[in-house]
């Protein structure tokens, strides 16, 4: 039986996030046994303090949500978040450079992989699958694997569509076994979450983790 809470990164990334949201997020993560929490960069320091000694991965985002920041900015932001206590970095890759047919995304991701791995941190790359064809998703997975990333992630949650089982299956078929998959964007039910895990997802990014776990226990 799938213990769905061990896949869930409970997430608060809305623009109007306040300190009480972060406190509640960590409280729920401790209560429901989530593997991690994903918070905006501004709130990493507080989240680290709230987590304390609990076994919860602290995740934050870089180049979020559009990915067209300068590489130097992404590198700096990644370094700062690691200093503040982030365990994992979810970066939006340069969709704009990819769509322009440039080799830049691989160079950028290789630099970010190096920064994360030098500090024994995890790098996840958000592809934003809503903007990619199946062929582009395959190409993107190959770029990510070549750049040495740890996970490939579907979505920011800010695009028109989020995680789809078909995309997870496609990604799993074209990623080496040592690269994980994080499904995110619009995952609100236990049925959705289980379907994505069965399709090959190793992590589920959602703001509905509590409802999903409660459904699993009913």
N, C-alpha and C. Protein backbone atom coordinates (compact mmCIF):
# COMPACT_ATOMS: atom_id res chain seq x y z
N UNK A 1 0.85 -1.21 0.00
CA UNK A 1 0.00 0.00 0.00
C UNK A 1 0.88 1.26 0.00
N UNK A 2 0.51 2.22 -0.81
CA UNK A 2 1.28 3.47 -0.92
C UNK A 2 0.99 4.38 0.28
N UNK A 3 2.06 4.75 1.00
CA UNK A 3 1.92 5.72 2.10
C UNK A 3 2.08 7.11 1.47
N UNK A 4 0.97 7.67 1.07
CA UNK A 4 1.00 8.87 0.23
C UNK A 4 1.68 10.06 0.91
N UNK A 5 1.61 10.13 2.26
CA UNK A 5 2.22 11.28 2.96
C UNK A 5 3.73 11.34 2.74
N UNK A 6 4.35 10.18 2.50
CA UNK A 6 5.80 10.13 2.30
C UNK A 6 6.22 10.63 0.91
N UNK A 7 5.25 10.94 0.06
CA UNK A 7 5.52 11.50 -1.26
C UNK A 7 5.25 13.01 -1.29
N UNK A 8 4.56 13.51 -0.29
CA UNK A 8 4.02 14.88 -0.38
C UNK A 8 4.97 15.96 0.13
N UNK A 9 5.17 16.97 -0.73
CA UNK A 9 5.78 18.23 -0.33
C UNK A 9 4.63 19.23 -0.21
N UNK A 10 4.24 19.52 1.01
CA UNK A 10 3.15 20.47 1.22
C UNK A 10 3.66 21.88 0.89
N UNK A 11 2.90 22.60 0.11
CA UNK A 11 3.40 23.82 -0.54
C UNK A 11 2.56 25.06 -0.25
N UNK A 12 3.24 26.17 0.04
CA UNK A 12 2.59 27.49 0.10
C UNK A 12 3.45 28.45 -0.72
N UNK A 13 2.97 28.78 -1.92
CA UNK A 13 3.73 29.68 -2.79
C UNK A 13 2.88 30.84 -3.31
N UNK A 14 1.72 31.05 -2.70
CA UNK A 14 0.85 32.14 -3.17
C UNK A 14 1.50 33.49 -2.86
N UNK A 15 1.17 34.47 -3.68
CA UNK A 15 1.79 35.80 -3.56
C UNK A 15 1.52 36.45 -2.21
N UNK A 16 0.36 36.17 -1.63
CA UNK A 16 -0.04 36.84 -0.39
C UNK A 16 0.26 36.01 0.86
N UNK A 17 1.25 35.11 0.76
CA UNK A 17 1.67 34.30 1.91
C UNK A 17 2.10 35.18 3.08
N UNK A 18 1.65 34.82 4.29
CA UNK A 18 2.06 35.55 5.50
C UNK A 18 2.70 34.56 6.49
N UNK A 19 3.26 35.10 7.58
CA UNK A 19 3.98 34.25 8.53
C UNK A 19 3.11 33.14 9.12
N UNK A 20 1.84 33.44 9.35
CA UNK A 20 0.94 32.43 9.91
C UNK A 20 0.78 31.23 8.97
N UNK A 21 0.85 31.50 7.66
CA UNK A 21 0.77 30.41 6.68
C UNK A 21 1.95 29.46 6.82
N UNK A 22 3.13 30.03 7.05
CA UNK A 22 4.35 29.23 7.20
C UNK A 22 4.28 28.41 8.48
N UNK A 23 3.83 29.04 9.56
CA UNK A 23 3.70 28.32 10.84
C UNK A 23 2.74 27.14 10.70
N UNK A 24 1.62 27.38 10.04
CA UNK A 24 0.61 26.33 9.85
C UNK A 24 1.14 25.22 8.94
N UNK A 25 1.88 25.61 7.90
CA UNK A 25 2.46 24.66 6.97
C UNK A 25 3.37 23.66 7.69
N UNK A 26 4.25 24.17 8.55
CA UNK A 26 5.19 23.30 9.27
C UNK A 26 4.45 22.44 10.29
N UNK A 27 3.47 23.03 10.94
CA UNK A 27 2.65 22.28 11.91
C UNK A 27 1.98 21.09 11.23
N UNK A 28 1.40 21.34 10.06
CA UNK A 28 0.74 20.26 9.32
C UNK A 28 1.73 19.20 8.85
N UNK A 29 2.92 19.64 8.42
CA UNK A 29 3.94 18.70 7.96
C UNK A 29 4.35 17.76 9.09
N UNK A 30 4.49 18.31 10.29
CA UNK A 30 4.85 17.49 11.45
C UNK A 30 3.70 16.54 11.82
N UNK A 31 2.49 17.07 11.77
CA UNK A 31 1.31 16.28 12.17
C UNK A 31 1.00 15.15 11.19
N UNK A 32 1.15 15.42 9.90
CA UNK A 32 0.72 14.44 8.88
C UNK A 32 1.88 13.65 8.27
N UNK A 33 3.11 13.95 8.68
CA UNK A 33 4.25 13.17 8.23
C UNK A 33 4.69 13.41 6.80
N UNK A 34 4.52 14.65 6.32
CA UNK A 34 4.94 14.96 4.95
C UNK A 34 6.47 14.90 4.83
N UNK A 35 6.93 14.53 3.64
CA UNK A 35 8.38 14.42 3.42
C UNK A 35 9.04 15.80 3.39
N UNK A 36 8.29 16.82 2.96
CA UNK A 36 8.88 18.15 2.88
C UNK A 36 7.86 19.25 2.79
N UNK A 37 8.36 20.49 2.86
CA UNK A 37 7.53 21.67 2.65
C UNK A 37 8.23 22.57 1.65
N UNK A 38 7.44 23.25 0.82
CA UNK A 38 8.00 24.16 -0.18
C UNK A 38 7.49 25.57 0.10
N UNK A 39 8.43 26.49 0.31
CA UNK A 39 8.08 27.86 0.71
C UNK A 39 8.77 28.89 -0.18
N UNK A 40 8.24 30.11 -0.24
CA UNK A 40 8.91 31.18 -1.00
C UNK A 40 10.27 31.50 -0.38
N UNK A 41 11.21 31.98 -1.19
CA UNK A 41 12.54 32.32 -0.68
C UNK A 41 12.52 33.23 0.56
N UNK A 42 11.63 34.19 0.54
CA UNK A 42 11.55 35.15 1.66
C UNK A 42 11.30 34.47 3.00
N UNK A 43 10.64 33.31 2.98
CA UNK A 43 10.23 32.65 4.22
C UNK A 43 11.11 31.46 4.61
N UNK A 44 12.21 31.23 3.90
CA UNK A 44 13.06 30.07 4.19
C UNK A 44 13.63 30.13 5.61
N UNK A 45 14.11 31.29 6.01
CA UNK A 45 14.73 31.41 7.33
C UNK A 45 13.73 31.07 8.44
N UNK A 46 12.53 31.59 8.33
CA UNK A 46 11.50 31.31 9.33
C UNK A 46 11.12 29.82 9.31
N UNK A 47 10.95 29.29 8.10
CA UNK A 47 10.56 27.88 7.98
C UNK A 47 11.60 26.97 8.61
N UNK A 48 12.88 27.29 8.40
CA UNK A 48 13.97 26.50 8.99
C UNK A 48 13.87 26.51 10.51
N UNK A 49 13.58 27.66 11.06
CA UNK A 49 13.44 27.80 12.50
C UNK A 49 12.26 26.97 13.01
N UNK A 50 11.14 27.03 12.29
CA UNK A 50 9.92 26.31 12.70
C UNK A 50 10.11 24.80 12.61
N UNK A 51 10.85 24.34 11.61
CA UNK A 51 11.09 22.90 11.44
C UNK A 51 11.92 22.34 12.59
N UNK A 52 12.91 23.12 13.03
CA UNK A 52 13.75 22.68 14.14
C UNK A 52 14.45 21.37 13.82
N UNK A 53 14.28 20.39 14.70
CA UNK A 53 14.95 19.09 14.54
C UNK A 53 14.09 18.08 13.79
N UNK A 54 12.91 18.47 13.36
CA UNK A 54 12.00 17.54 12.68
C UNK A 54 12.60 17.07 11.35
N UNK A 55 12.28 15.85 10.97
CA UNK A 55 12.81 15.26 9.72
C UNK A 55 11.92 15.67 8.55
N UNK A 56 12.03 16.94 8.17
CA UNK A 56 11.23 17.50 7.08
C UNK A 56 12.17 18.25 6.14
N UNK A 57 12.12 17.92 4.86
CA UNK A 57 12.95 18.60 3.88
C UNK A 57 12.42 20.01 3.64
N UNK A 58 13.31 20.98 3.68
CA UNK A 58 12.91 22.37 3.41
C UNK A 58 13.26 22.71 1.96
N UNK A 59 12.23 22.98 1.19
CA UNK A 59 12.36 23.23 -0.25
C UNK A 59 12.00 24.68 -0.53
N UNK A 60 12.75 25.33 -1.44
CA UNK A 60 12.36 26.66 -1.90
C UNK A 60 12.59 26.77 -3.40
N UNK A 61 12.15 27.88 -3.96
CA UNK A 61 12.13 28.03 -5.41
C UNK A 61 13.10 29.12 -5.89
N UNK A 62 13.62 28.92 -7.09
CA UNK A 62 14.57 29.85 -7.71
C UNK A 62 14.10 30.14 -9.14
N UNK A 63 14.22 31.41 -9.56
CA UNK A 63 13.78 31.78 -10.90
C UNK A 63 12.29 31.59 -11.10
N UNK A 64 11.57 31.71 -10.02
CA UNK A 64 10.14 31.37 -9.99
C UNK A 64 9.28 32.61 -10.24
N UNK A 65 8.19 32.49 -11.03
CA UNK A 65 7.68 31.29 -11.69
C UNK A 65 7.95 31.21 -13.20
N UNK A 66 8.70 32.14 -13.78
CA UNK A 66 8.81 32.17 -15.25
C UNK A 66 10.15 31.68 -15.79
N UNK A 67 11.18 31.66 -14.96
CA UNK A 67 12.44 31.04 -15.35
C UNK A 67 13.36 31.85 -16.25
N UNK A 68 12.95 33.07 -16.61
CA UNK A 68 13.80 33.81 -17.56
C UNK A 68 14.76 34.79 -16.88
N UNK A 69 15.01 34.57 -15.59
CA UNK A 69 16.02 35.36 -14.88
C UNK A 69 17.41 35.06 -15.44
N UNK A 70 18.34 35.95 -15.17
CA UNK A 70 19.73 35.69 -15.55
C UNK A 70 20.27 34.50 -14.77
N UNK A 71 21.11 33.72 -15.41
CA UNK A 71 21.72 32.57 -14.73
C UNK A 71 22.45 33.00 -13.48
N UNK A 72 23.19 34.12 -13.56
CA UNK A 72 23.93 34.61 -12.40
C UNK A 72 22.98 34.89 -11.21
N UNK A 73 21.80 35.38 -11.53
CA UNK A 73 20.80 35.65 -10.49
C UNK A 73 20.33 34.34 -9.86
N UNK A 74 20.10 33.34 -10.69
CA UNK A 74 19.67 32.03 -10.17
C UNK A 74 20.75 31.39 -9.30
N UNK A 75 21.99 31.52 -9.74
CA UNK A 75 23.10 30.96 -8.96
C UNK A 75 23.19 31.66 -7.60
N UNK A 76 23.10 32.98 -7.62
CA UNK A 76 23.18 33.75 -6.37
C UNK A 76 22.03 33.39 -5.44
N UNK A 77 20.82 33.32 -5.99
CA UNK A 77 19.63 32.99 -5.20
C UNK A 77 19.77 31.59 -4.59
N UNK A 78 20.27 30.66 -5.37
CA UNK A 78 20.47 29.29 -4.88
C UNK A 78 21.46 29.28 -3.72
N UNK A 79 22.56 29.99 -3.88
CA UNK A 79 23.57 30.06 -2.81
C UNK A 79 22.99 30.67 -1.53
N UNK A 80 22.21 31.73 -1.69
CA UNK A 80 21.62 32.38 -0.52
C UNK A 80 20.63 31.46 0.20
N UNK A 81 19.81 30.74 -0.56
CA UNK A 81 18.82 29.84 0.04
C UNK A 81 19.50 28.69 0.77
N UNK A 82 20.58 28.19 0.23
CA UNK A 82 21.33 27.12 0.90
C UNK A 82 21.90 27.65 2.22
N UNK A 83 22.43 28.87 2.19
CA UNK A 83 22.97 29.48 3.42
C UNK A 83 21.88 29.63 4.49
N UNK A 84 20.67 29.91 4.05
CA UNK A 84 19.55 30.11 4.99
C UNK A 84 18.95 28.79 5.48
N UNK A 85 19.38 27.68 4.87
CA UNK A 85 18.93 26.38 5.38
C UNK A 85 18.10 25.53 4.45
N UNK A 86 17.93 25.93 3.20
CA UNK A 86 17.15 25.11 2.27
C UNK A 86 17.88 23.80 1.98
N UNK A 87 17.14 22.69 1.98
CA UNK A 87 17.69 21.37 1.66
C UNK A 87 17.59 21.07 0.18
N UNK A 88 16.56 21.62 -0.45
CA UNK A 88 16.29 21.33 -1.86
C UNK A 88 15.90 22.61 -2.58
N UNK A 89 16.35 22.72 -3.83
CA UNK A 89 16.06 23.90 -4.65
C UNK A 89 15.24 23.47 -5.86
N UNK A 90 14.07 24.10 -6.04
CA UNK A 90 13.24 23.87 -7.23
C UNK A 90 13.41 25.07 -8.16
N UNK A 91 14.18 24.90 -9.22
CA UNK A 91 14.45 26.02 -10.13
C UNK A 91 13.61 25.90 -11.40
N UNK A 92 13.07 27.02 -11.83
CA UNK A 92 12.40 27.05 -13.14
C UNK A 92 13.49 27.23 -14.18
N UNK A 93 13.62 26.25 -15.07
CA UNK A 93 14.67 26.34 -16.08
C UNK A 93 14.34 27.44 -17.08
N UNK A 94 15.28 27.73 -17.96
CA UNK A 94 15.09 28.83 -18.92
C UNK A 94 14.28 28.34 -20.12
N UNK A 95 12.97 28.34 -19.95
CA UNK A 95 12.07 27.92 -21.04
C UNK A 95 12.31 28.81 -22.27
N UNK A 96 12.56 30.08 -22.00
CA UNK A 96 12.75 31.04 -23.10
C UNK A 96 13.98 30.67 -23.94
N UNK A 97 15.08 30.27 -23.28
CA UNK A 97 16.29 29.87 -24.02
C UNK A 97 16.07 28.55 -24.74
N UNK A 98 15.32 27.65 -24.11
CA UNK A 98 15.01 26.36 -24.72
C UNK A 98 14.19 26.55 -25.99
N UNK A 99 13.15 27.38 -25.88
CA UNK A 99 12.27 27.63 -27.03
C UNK A 99 13.03 28.33 -28.16
N UNK A 100 14.06 29.08 -27.80
CA UNK A 100 14.87 29.77 -28.81
C UNK A 100 15.91 28.84 -29.45
N UNK A 101 15.94 27.59 -29.00
CA UNK A 101 16.84 26.61 -29.59
C UNK A 101 18.29 26.74 -29.15
N UNK A 102 18.49 27.37 -27.99
CA UNK A 102 19.86 27.60 -27.50
C UNK A 102 20.33 26.44 -26.63
N UNK A 103 21.63 26.31 -26.47
CA UNK A 103 22.22 25.30 -25.59
C UNK A 103 22.29 25.80 -24.15
N UNK A 104 21.88 27.03 -23.92
CA UNK A 104 22.05 27.68 -22.62
C UNK A 104 21.40 26.92 -21.45
N UNK A 105 20.19 26.35 -21.61
CA UNK A 105 19.58 25.67 -20.47
C UNK A 105 20.48 24.60 -19.85
N UNK A 106 21.18 23.83 -20.68
CA UNK A 106 22.05 22.79 -20.14
C UNK A 106 23.21 23.40 -19.35
N UNK A 107 23.78 24.49 -19.87
CA UNK A 107 24.88 25.16 -19.18
C UNK A 107 24.42 25.72 -17.84
N UNK A 108 23.24 26.33 -17.85
CA UNK A 108 22.68 26.90 -16.63
C UNK A 108 22.42 25.82 -15.58
N UNK A 109 21.79 24.73 -16.00
CA UNK A 109 21.45 23.67 -15.06
C UNK A 109 22.69 22.95 -14.54
N UNK A 110 23.71 22.83 -15.38
CA UNK A 110 24.97 22.22 -14.93
C UNK A 110 25.61 23.08 -13.83
N UNK A 111 25.54 24.40 -13.98
CA UNK A 111 26.09 25.31 -12.96
C UNK A 111 25.32 25.19 -11.65
N UNK A 112 24.00 25.13 -11.76
CA UNK A 112 23.16 25.03 -10.57
C UNK A 112 23.33 23.68 -9.89
N UNK A 113 23.48 22.62 -10.69
CA UNK A 113 23.74 21.28 -10.13
C UNK A 113 25.02 21.30 -9.31
N UNK A 114 26.04 21.94 -9.86
CA UNK A 114 27.34 22.02 -9.19
C UNK A 114 27.21 22.73 -7.85
N UNK A 115 26.51 23.86 -7.85
CA UNK A 115 26.32 24.63 -6.61
C UNK A 115 25.60 23.77 -5.56
N UNK A 116 24.51 23.13 -5.97
CA UNK A 116 23.74 22.31 -5.02
C UNK A 116 24.55 21.13 -4.52
N UNK A 117 25.22 20.44 -5.42
CA UNK A 117 25.94 19.23 -5.03
C UNK A 117 27.19 19.54 -4.21
N UNK A 118 27.81 20.69 -4.46
CA UNK A 118 28.95 21.11 -3.63
C UNK A 118 28.54 21.27 -2.17
N UNK A 119 27.25 21.59 -1.96
CA UNK A 119 26.72 21.78 -0.60
C UNK A 119 25.84 20.60 -0.17
N UNK A 120 25.91 19.50 -0.94
CA UNK A 120 25.11 18.30 -0.64
C UNK A 120 23.63 18.61 -0.55
N UNK A 121 23.17 19.40 -1.50
CA UNK A 121 21.75 19.74 -1.60
C UNK A 121 21.17 19.14 -2.88
N UNK A 122 19.85 19.09 -2.93
CA UNK A 122 19.12 18.50 -4.06
C UNK A 122 18.66 19.59 -5.03
N UNK A 123 18.81 19.35 -6.33
CA UNK A 123 18.30 20.27 -7.35
C UNK A 123 17.16 19.62 -8.13
N UNK A 124 16.03 20.30 -8.12
CA UNK A 124 14.89 19.88 -8.94
C UNK A 124 14.66 20.95 -10.01
N UNK A 125 14.31 20.53 -11.21
CA UNK A 125 14.14 21.46 -12.32
C UNK A 125 12.68 21.44 -12.79
N UNK A 126 12.06 22.61 -12.77
CA UNK A 126 10.66 22.75 -13.19
C UNK A 126 10.63 23.03 -14.69
N UNK A 127 10.03 22.09 -15.44
CA UNK A 127 9.97 22.23 -16.90
C UNK A 127 8.82 23.12 -17.37
N UNK A 128 7.75 23.19 -16.61
CA UNK A 128 6.48 23.81 -17.00
C UNK A 128 5.93 23.11 -18.26
N UNK A 129 5.49 21.88 -18.04
CA UNK A 129 5.04 21.00 -19.13
C UNK A 129 3.86 21.56 -19.92
N UNK A 130 3.11 22.46 -19.32
CA UNK A 130 1.96 23.06 -20.02
C UNK A 130 2.39 23.79 -21.29
N UNK A 131 3.64 24.22 -21.33
CA UNK A 131 4.14 24.99 -22.48
C UNK A 131 4.97 24.15 -23.45
N UNK A 132 5.03 22.83 -23.21
CA UNK A 132 5.89 21.97 -24.02
C UNK A 132 5.11 20.87 -24.73
N UNK A 133 5.55 20.52 -25.92
CA UNK A 133 5.00 19.36 -26.64
C UNK A 133 5.64 18.11 -26.05
N UNK A 134 5.12 16.94 -26.39
CA UNK A 134 5.72 15.69 -25.91
C UNK A 134 7.18 15.59 -26.34
N UNK A 135 7.46 15.97 -27.57
CA UNK A 135 8.83 15.93 -28.07
C UNK A 135 9.74 16.85 -27.28
N UNK A 136 9.22 18.03 -26.92
CA UNK A 136 10.01 18.98 -26.13
C UNK A 136 10.23 18.47 -24.70
N UNK A 137 9.24 17.78 -24.16
CA UNK A 137 9.38 17.20 -22.81
C UNK A 137 10.50 16.16 -22.82
N UNK A 138 10.54 15.32 -23.84
CA UNK A 138 11.59 14.30 -23.96
C UNK A 138 12.96 14.98 -24.04
N UNK A 139 13.05 15.99 -24.90
CA UNK A 139 14.32 16.74 -25.07
C UNK A 139 14.74 17.39 -23.75
N UNK A 140 13.76 17.98 -23.05
CA UNK A 140 14.03 18.64 -21.78
C UNK A 140 14.56 17.65 -20.74
N UNK A 141 13.97 16.45 -20.70
CA UNK A 141 14.42 15.42 -19.76
C UNK A 141 15.87 15.02 -20.06
N UNK A 142 16.20 14.92 -21.33
CA UNK A 142 17.58 14.57 -21.71
C UNK A 142 18.56 15.65 -21.28
N UNK A 143 18.16 16.92 -21.46
CA UNK A 143 19.01 18.04 -21.04
C UNK A 143 19.23 18.01 -19.53
N UNK A 144 18.15 17.79 -18.78
CA UNK A 144 18.25 17.75 -17.32
C UNK A 144 19.16 16.61 -16.85
N UNK A 145 18.99 15.43 -17.44
CA UNK A 145 19.81 14.28 -17.06
C UNK A 145 21.29 14.56 -17.36
N UNK A 146 21.55 15.13 -18.52
CA UNK A 146 22.94 15.44 -18.91
C UNK A 146 23.56 16.49 -17.98
N UNK A 147 22.73 17.38 -17.46
CA UNK A 147 23.23 18.46 -16.59
C UNK A 147 23.42 18.01 -15.14
N UNK A 148 23.01 16.78 -14.84
CA UNK A 148 23.25 16.22 -13.51
C UNK A 148 22.25 16.61 -12.43
N UNK A 149 21.01 16.93 -12.83
CA UNK A 149 20.00 17.32 -11.83
C UNK A 149 19.49 16.08 -11.10
N UNK A 150 18.84 16.31 -9.96
CA UNK A 150 18.36 15.20 -9.14
C UNK A 150 16.92 14.81 -9.43
N UNK A 151 16.09 15.80 -9.72
CA UNK A 151 14.68 15.57 -10.03
C UNK A 151 14.28 16.46 -11.19
N UNK A 152 13.28 16.01 -11.94
CA UNK A 152 12.63 16.86 -12.92
C UNK A 152 11.17 17.00 -12.47
N UNK A 153 10.69 18.23 -12.53
CA UNK A 153 9.37 18.57 -11.98
C UNK A 153 8.48 19.11 -13.09
N UNK A 154 7.20 18.84 -13.00
CA UNK A 154 6.30 19.20 -14.10
C UNK A 154 5.99 20.69 -14.19
N UNK A 155 5.62 21.31 -13.05
CA UNK A 155 4.93 22.60 -13.14
C UNK A 155 5.20 23.51 -11.95
N UNK A 156 4.94 24.80 -12.17
CA UNK A 156 5.01 25.78 -11.08
C UNK A 156 3.68 25.87 -10.34
N UNK A 157 2.60 25.53 -11.02
CA UNK A 157 1.27 25.76 -10.47
C UNK A 157 0.70 27.10 -10.93
N UNK A 158 1.51 27.85 -11.70
CA UNK A 158 1.08 29.16 -12.18
C UNK A 158 0.71 29.14 -13.67
N UNK A 159 0.92 28.01 -14.34
CA UNK A 159 0.60 27.87 -15.77
C UNK A 159 -0.84 27.39 -15.94
N UNK A 160 -1.35 27.38 -17.19
CA UNK A 160 -2.74 26.97 -17.41
C UNK A 160 -3.05 25.53 -17.00
N UNK A 161 -2.03 24.64 -17.05
CA UNK A 161 -2.23 23.25 -16.67
C UNK A 161 -1.10 22.78 -15.78
N UNK A 162 -1.39 21.78 -14.95
CA UNK A 162 -0.38 21.21 -14.06
C UNK A 162 -0.02 19.80 -14.45
N UNK A 163 0.19 18.96 -13.44
CA UNK A 163 0.68 17.60 -13.66
C UNK A 163 -0.35 16.72 -14.35
N UNK A 164 0.14 15.92 -15.30
CA UNK A 164 -0.70 14.94 -16.00
C UNK A 164 -0.01 13.58 -15.93
N UNK A 165 -0.79 12.53 -15.77
CA UNK A 165 -0.21 11.18 -15.74
C UNK A 165 0.55 10.86 -17.02
N UNK A 166 0.01 11.30 -18.15
CA UNK A 166 0.66 11.01 -19.44
C UNK A 166 2.06 11.62 -19.50
N UNK A 167 2.20 12.84 -18.93
CA UNK A 167 3.50 13.51 -18.92
C UNK A 167 4.47 12.80 -17.97
N UNK A 168 3.96 12.35 -16.82
CA UNK A 168 4.82 11.63 -15.86
C UNK A 168 5.35 10.34 -16.50
N UNK A 169 4.47 9.62 -17.17
CA UNK A 169 4.89 8.37 -17.84
C UNK A 169 5.95 8.66 -18.90
N UNK A 170 5.73 9.72 -19.65
CA UNK A 170 6.67 10.11 -20.70
C UNK A 170 8.03 10.47 -20.10
N UNK A 171 8.00 11.24 -19.04
CA UNK A 171 9.24 11.64 -18.36
C UNK A 171 9.97 10.43 -17.80
N UNK A 172 9.22 9.53 -17.16
CA UNK A 172 9.85 8.35 -16.57
C UNK A 172 10.52 7.48 -17.64
N UNK A 173 9.89 7.41 -18.80
CA UNK A 173 10.44 6.60 -19.90
C UNK A 173 11.72 7.20 -20.48
N UNK A 174 11.95 8.50 -20.26
CA UNK A 174 13.11 9.16 -20.88
C UNK A 174 14.09 9.75 -19.87
N UNK A 175 13.95 9.37 -18.60
CA UNK A 175 14.91 9.79 -17.59
C UNK A 175 15.61 8.56 -17.03
N UNK A 176 16.91 8.67 -16.71
CA UNK A 176 17.58 7.54 -16.07
C UNK A 176 16.98 7.30 -14.68
N UNK A 177 17.17 6.10 -14.15
CA UNK A 177 16.54 5.72 -12.89
C UNK A 177 17.03 6.55 -11.70
N UNK A 178 18.22 7.16 -11.83
CA UNK A 178 18.74 7.96 -10.71
C UNK A 178 18.18 9.39 -10.69
N UNK A 179 17.37 9.75 -11.67
CA UNK A 179 16.72 11.07 -11.68
C UNK A 179 15.25 10.90 -11.31
N UNK A 180 14.85 11.54 -10.22
CA UNK A 180 13.47 11.42 -9.76
C UNK A 180 12.53 12.36 -10.50
N UNK A 181 11.23 12.19 -10.22
CA UNK A 181 10.20 13.04 -10.84
C UNK A 181 9.31 13.62 -9.74
N UNK A 182 9.10 14.93 -9.81
CA UNK A 182 8.15 15.58 -8.92
C UNK A 182 6.97 16.07 -9.74
N UNK A 183 5.79 15.57 -9.39
CA UNK A 183 4.55 16.02 -10.03
C UNK A 183 3.98 17.17 -9.21
N UNK A 184 3.61 18.24 -9.88
CA UNK A 184 3.02 19.37 -9.17
C UNK A 184 2.12 20.16 -10.09
N UNK A 185 1.24 20.94 -9.50
CA UNK A 185 0.31 21.77 -10.27
C UNK A 185 -1.06 21.14 -10.34
N UNK A 186 -1.99 21.68 -9.55
CA UNK A 186 -3.39 21.26 -9.63
C UNK A 186 -3.71 19.91 -9.02
N UNK A 187 -2.83 19.39 -8.14
CA UNK A 187 -3.08 18.08 -7.51
C UNK A 187 -3.87 18.31 -6.23
N UNK A 188 -5.14 17.94 -6.26
CA UNK A 188 -6.02 18.26 -5.15
C UNK A 188 -6.66 17.05 -4.48
N UNK A 189 -6.63 15.88 -5.14
CA UNK A 189 -7.32 14.72 -4.59
C UNK A 189 -6.38 13.53 -4.40
N UNK A 190 -6.79 12.60 -3.53
CA UNK A 190 -6.03 11.37 -3.31
C UNK A 190 -5.93 10.57 -4.60
N UNK A 191 -7.04 10.51 -5.33
CA UNK A 191 -7.07 9.76 -6.59
C UNK A 191 -6.02 10.29 -7.58
N UNK A 192 -5.95 11.61 -7.70
CA UNK A 192 -4.94 12.24 -8.57
C UNK A 192 -3.53 11.89 -8.12
N UNK A 193 -3.28 12.05 -6.83
CA UNK A 193 -1.94 11.82 -6.28
C UNK A 193 -1.50 10.38 -6.49
N UNK A 194 -2.37 9.43 -6.21
CA UNK A 194 -2.04 8.01 -6.38
C UNK A 194 -1.79 7.68 -7.85
N UNK A 195 -2.60 8.27 -8.72
CA UNK A 195 -2.44 8.04 -10.16
C UNK A 195 -1.07 8.52 -10.64
N UNK A 196 -0.63 9.65 -10.13
CA UNK A 196 0.67 10.22 -10.52
C UNK A 196 1.83 9.39 -9.96
N UNK A 197 1.68 8.90 -8.74
CA UNK A 197 2.72 8.04 -8.15
C UNK A 197 2.83 6.74 -8.96
N UNK A 198 1.69 6.17 -9.29
CA UNK A 198 1.70 4.92 -10.09
C UNK A 198 2.30 5.15 -11.48
N UNK A 199 2.13 6.37 -11.99
CA UNK A 199 2.68 6.70 -13.31
C UNK A 199 4.19 6.90 -13.26
N UNK A 200 4.74 7.07 -12.03
CA UNK A 200 6.20 7.20 -11.92
C UNK A 200 6.69 8.36 -11.09
N UNK A 201 5.79 9.14 -10.49
CA UNK A 201 6.22 10.28 -9.67
C UNK A 201 6.81 9.82 -8.34
N UNK A 202 7.91 10.45 -7.94
CA UNK A 202 8.56 10.16 -6.66
C UNK A 202 8.17 11.17 -5.58
N UNK A 203 7.73 12.32 -6.02
CA UNK A 203 7.28 13.38 -5.10
C UNK A 203 5.99 13.99 -5.66
N UNK A 204 5.17 14.48 -4.74
CA UNK A 204 3.93 15.18 -5.10
C UNK A 204 3.97 16.56 -4.45
N UNK A 205 4.01 17.60 -5.25
CA UNK A 205 3.95 18.97 -4.74
C UNK A 205 2.51 19.44 -4.77
N UNK A 206 1.98 19.80 -3.60
CA UNK A 206 0.56 20.18 -3.53
C UNK A 206 0.30 21.08 -2.33
N UNK A 207 -0.72 21.90 -2.44
CA UNK A 207 -1.17 22.68 -1.28
C UNK A 207 -2.37 21.99 -0.62
N UNK A 208 -2.71 20.79 -1.13
CA UNK A 208 -3.87 20.03 -0.61
C UNK A 208 -3.44 18.75 0.11
N UNK A 209 -2.22 18.74 0.64
CA UNK A 209 -1.69 17.53 1.27
C UNK A 209 -2.53 17.02 2.42
N UNK A 210 -3.05 17.94 3.24
CA UNK A 210 -3.85 17.52 4.40
C UNK A 210 -5.10 16.79 3.94
N UNK A 211 -5.81 17.36 2.97
CA UNK A 211 -7.03 16.73 2.46
C UNK A 211 -6.72 15.37 1.83
N UNK A 212 -5.59 15.29 1.12
CA UNK A 212 -5.20 14.04 0.45
C UNK A 212 -4.92 12.95 1.49
N UNK A 213 -4.17 13.28 2.54
CA UNK A 213 -3.84 12.29 3.55
C UNK A 213 -5.08 11.90 4.36
N UNK A 214 -5.91 12.88 4.65
CA UNK A 214 -7.16 12.55 5.37
C UNK A 214 -8.01 11.57 4.55
N UNK A 215 -8.08 11.80 3.25
CA UNK A 215 -8.84 10.89 2.37
C UNK A 215 -8.27 9.48 2.40
N UNK A 216 -6.93 9.39 2.47
CA UNK A 216 -6.25 8.09 2.48
C UNK A 216 -6.57 7.31 3.75
N UNK A 217 -6.87 8.04 4.83
CA UNK A 217 -7.10 7.38 6.13
C UNK A 217 -8.57 7.07 6.36
N UNK A 218 -9.42 7.53 5.47
CA UNK A 218 -10.87 7.29 5.64
C UNK A 218 -11.24 5.87 5.24
